[in-house]
Amino acid sequence: AAIKGSVRAAELRSELSAAMSKLEIARALREAREWMTMH
C-alpha cells in the first residue's frame, strides 16, 4: 500500500509540475528565497 501511495504521489507531483509553467516555478523559487532571507 505504501508503494502504491508513493507512486500516486509521484503522479500527482508530475502533473503539478507539468501544469506549472517555467515562469511560475522560477517565481515561486524566488519568493521562497526572499521569504527565507526575511525570516
PDB file of N, CA and C in Angstrom:
ATOM      1  N   ALA A   1       0.830  -1.206   0.000  1.00  0.00           N
ATOM      2  CA  ALA A   1       0.000   0.000   0.000  1.00  0.00           C
ATOM      3  C   ALA A   1       0.862   1.253   0.000  1.00  0.00           C
ATOM      4  N   ALA A   2       1.949   1.208   0.762  1.00  0.00           N
ATOM      5  CA  ALA A   2       2.827   2.374   0.836  1.00  0.00           C
ATOM      6  C   ALA A   2       3.466   2.643  -0.520  1.00  0.00           C
ATOM      7  N   ILE A   3       3.836   1.554  -1.208  1.00  0.00           N
ATOM      8  CA  ILE A   3       4.466   1.721  -2.518  1.00  0.00           C
ATOM      9  C   ILE A   3       3.456   2.309  -3.503  1.00  0.00           C
ATOM     10  N   LYS A   4       2.237   1.790  -3.487  1.00  0.00           N
ATOM     11  CA  LYS A   4       1.195   2.290  -4.386  1.00  0.00           C
ATOM     12  C   LYS A   4       0.908   3.759  -4.094  1.00  0.00           C
ATOM     13  N   GLY A   5       0.917   4.126  -2.804  1.00  0.00           N
ATOM     14  CA  GLY A   5       0.663   5.509  -2.430  1.00  0.00           C
ATOM     15  C   GLY A   5       1.749   6.438  -2.936  1.00  0.00           C
ATOM     16  N   SER A   6       3.005   5.994  -2.852  1.00  0.00           N
ATOM     17  CA  SER A   6       4.098   6.849  -3.296  1.00  0.00           C
ATOM     18  C   SER A   6       4.076   7.004  -4.815  1.00  0.00           C
ATOM     19  N   VAL A   7       3.630   5.950  -5.495  1.00  0.00           N
ATOM     20  CA  VAL A   7       3.511   6.041  -6.954  1.00  0.00           C
ATOM     21  C   VAL A   7       2.463   7.080  -7.319  1.00  0.00           C
ATOM     22  N   ARG A   8       1.344   7.043  -6.614  1.00  0.00           N
ATOM     23  CA  ARG A   8       0.273   8.014  -6.866  1.00  0.00           C
ATOM     24  C   ARG A   8       0.753   9.427  -6.559  1.00  0.00           C
ATOM     25  N   ALA A   9       1.514   9.580  -5.473  1.00  0.00           N
ATOM     26  CA  ALA A   9       2.038  10.893  -5.110  1.00  0.00           C
ATOM     27  C   ALA A   9       2.981  11.392  -6.197  1.00  0.00           C
ATOM     28  N   ALA A  10       3.793  10.493  -6.746  1.00  0.00           N
ATOM     29  CA  ALA A  10       4.716  10.879  -7.807  1.00  0.00           C
ATOM     30  C   ALA A  10       3.941  11.324  -9.047  1.00  0.00           C
ATOM     31  N   GLU A  11       2.827  10.630  -9.333  1.00  0.00           N
ATOM     32  CA  GLU A  11       1.999  11.023 -10.472  1.00  0.00           C
ATOM     33  C   GLU A  11       1.423  12.415 -10.257  1.00  0.00           C
ATOM     34  N   LEU A  12       0.959  12.687  -9.050  1.00  0.00           N
ATOM     35  CA  LEU A  12       0.387  13.996  -8.748  1.00  0.00           C
ATOM     36  C   LEU A  12       1.442  15.088  -8.876  1.00  0.00           C
ATOM     37  N   ARG A  13       2.660  14.793  -8.396  1.00  0.00           N
ATOM     38  CA  ARG A  13       3.736  15.787  -8.487  1.00  0.00           C
ATOM     39  C   ARG A  13       4.085  16.073  -9.937  1.00  0.00           C
ATOM     40  N   SER A  14       4.139  15.020 -10.775  1.00  0.00           N
ATOM     41  CA  SER A  14       4.487  15.229 -12.171  1.00  0.00           C
ATOM     42  C   SER A  14       3.385  16.017 -12.881  1.00  0.00           C
ATOM     43  N   GLU A  15       2.132  15.756 -12.513  1.00  0.00           N
ATOM     44  CA  GLU A  15       1.023  16.514 -13.094  1.00  0.00           C
ATOM     45  C   GLU A  15       1.107  17.973 -12.679  1.00  0.00           C
ATOM     46  N   LEU A  16       1.444  18.206 -11.416  1.00  0.00           N
ATOM     47  CA  LEU A  16       1.521  19.565 -10.899  1.00  0.00           C
ATOM     48  C   LEU A  16       2.640  20.337 -11.593  1.00  0.00           C
ATOM     49  N   SER A  17       3.814  19.719 -11.722  1.00  0.00           N
ATOM     50  CA  SER A  17       4.940  20.401 -12.345  1.00  0.00           C
ATOM     51  C   SER A  17       4.662  20.644 -13.827  1.00  0.00           C
ATOM     52  N   ALA A  18       3.918  19.741 -14.456  1.00  0.00           N
ATOM     53  CA  ALA A  18       3.580  19.931 -15.863  1.00  0.00           C
ATOM     54  C   ALA A  18       2.591  21.077 -16.018  1.00  0.00           C
ATOM     55  N   ALA A  19       1.705  21.247 -15.023  1.00  0.00           N
ATOM     56  CA  ALA A  19       0.700  22.298 -15.092  1.00  0.00           C
ATOM     57  C   ALA A  19       1.335  23.667 -14.864  1.00  0.00           C
ATOM     58  N   MET A  20       2.373  23.709 -14.045  1.00  0.00           N
ATOM     59  CA  MET A  20       3.034  24.987 -13.769  1.00  0.00           C
ATOM     60  C   MET A  20       3.988  25.332 -14.903  1.00  0.00           C
ATOM     61  N   SER A  21       3.990  26.574 -15.297  1.00  0.00           N
ATOM     62  CA  SER A  21       4.923  26.994 -16.329  1.00  0.00           C
ATOM     63  C   SER A  21       6.283  27.257 -15.705  1.00  0.00           C
ATOM     64  N   LYS A  22       7.308  27.301 -16.547  1.00  0.00           N
ATOM     65  CA  LYS A  22       8.659  27.572 -16.056  1.00  0.00           C
ATOM     66  C   LYS A  22       8.692  28.912 -15.331  1.00  0.00           C
ATOM     67  N   LEU A  23       7.916  29.868 -15.820  1.00  0.00           N
ATOM     68  CA  LEU A  23       7.898  31.192 -15.202  1.00  0.00           C
ATOM     69  C   LEU A  23       7.348  31.111 -13.785  1.00  0.00           C
ATOM     70  N   GLU A  24       6.255  30.356 -13.610  1.00  0.00           N
ATOM     71  CA  GLU A  24       5.654  30.233 -12.278  1.00  0.00           C
ATOM     72  C   GLU A  24       6.609  29.546 -11.310  1.00  0.00           C
ATOM     73  N   ILE A  25       7.319  28.525 -11.801  1.00  0.00           N
ATOM     74  CA  ILE A  25       8.275  27.809 -10.946  1.00  0.00           C
ATOM     75  C   ILE A  25       9.399  28.747 -10.530  1.00  0.00           C
ATOM     76  N   ALA A  26       9.925  29.521 -11.473  1.00  0.00           N
ATOM     77  CA  ALA A  26      11.010  30.447 -11.169  1.00  0.00           C
ATOM     78  C   ALA A  26      10.551  31.494 -10.162  1.00  0.00           C
ATOM     79  N   ARG A  27       9.318  31.982 -10.335  1.00  0.00           N
ATOM     80  CA  ARG A  27       8.797  32.989  -9.410  1.00  0.00           C
ATOM     81  C   ARG A  27       8.615  32.394  -8.015  1.00  0.00           C
ATOM     82  N   ALA A  28       8.119  31.181  -7.944  1.00  0.00           N
ATOM     83  CA  ALA A  28       7.916  30.526  -6.650  1.00  0.00           C
ATOM     84  C   ALA A  28       9.245  30.314  -5.937  1.00  0.00           C
ATOM     85  N   LEU A  29      10.265  29.910  -6.686  1.00  0.00           N
ATOM     86  CA  LEU A  29      11.588  29.708  -6.082  1.00  0.00           C
ATOM     87  C   LEU A  29      12.153  31.026  -5.577  1.00  0.00           C
ATOM     88  N   ARG A  30      11.978  32.093  -6.369  1.00  0.00           N
ATOM     89  CA  ARG A  30      12.495  33.401  -5.963  1.00  0.00           C
ATOM     90  C   ARG A  30      11.773  33.897  -4.711  1.00  0.00           C
ATOM     91  N   GLU A  31      10.456  33.743  -4.677  1.00  0.00           N
ATOM     92  CA  GLU A  31       9.698  34.173  -3.497  1.00  0.00           C
ATOM     93  C   GLU A  31      10.106  33.363  -2.274  1.00  0.00           C
ATOM     94  N   ALA A  32      10.382  32.076  -2.461  1.00  0.00           N
ATOM     95  CA  ALA A  32      10.806  31.232  -1.342  1.00  0.00           C
ATOM     96  C   ALA A  32      12.153  31.710  -0.803  1.00  0.00           C
ATOM     97  N   ARG A  33      13.067  32.073  -1.714  1.00  0.00           N
ATOM     98  CA  ARG A  33      14.377  32.564  -1.269  1.00  0.00           C
ATOM     99  C   ARG A  33      14.222  33.881  -0.529  1.00  0.00           C
ATOM    100  N   GLU A  34      13.376  34.771  -1.032  1.00  0.00           N
ATOM    101  CA  GLU A  34      13.165  36.061  -0.365  1.00  0.00           C
ATOM    102  C   GLU A  34      12.568  35.843   1.021  1.00  0.00           C
ATOM    103  N   TRP A  35      11.627  34.891   1.133  1.00  0.00           N
ATOM    104  CA  TRP A  35      10.998  34.607   2.424  1.00  0.00           C
ATOM    105  C   TRP A  35      12.037  34.069   3.401  1.00  0.00           C
ATOM    106  N   MET A  36      12.930  33.212   2.910  1.00  0.00           N
ATOM    107  CA  MET A  36      13.961  32.628   3.777  1.00  0.00           C
ATOM    108  C   MET A  36      14.896  33.711   4.305  1.00  0.00           C
ATOM    109  N   THR A  37      15.231  34.695   3.474  1.00  0.00           N
ATOM    110  CA  THR A  37      16.153  35.746   3.918  1.00  0.00           C
ATOM    111  C   THR A  37      15.481  36.683   4.917  1.00  0.00           C
ATOM    112  N   MET A  38      14.162  36.831   4.828  1.00  0.00           N
ATOM    113  CA  MET A  38      13.451  37.731   5.742  1.00  0.00           C
ATOM    114  C   MET A  38      13.182  37.072   7.087  1.00  0.00           C
ATOM    115  N   HIS A  39      13.073  35.721   7.116  1.00  0.00           N
ATOM    116  CA  HIS A  39      12.679  35.041   8.354  1.00  0.00           C
ATOM    117  C   HIS A  39      13.815  34.228   8.948  1.00  0.00           C
TER     118      HIS A  39
END
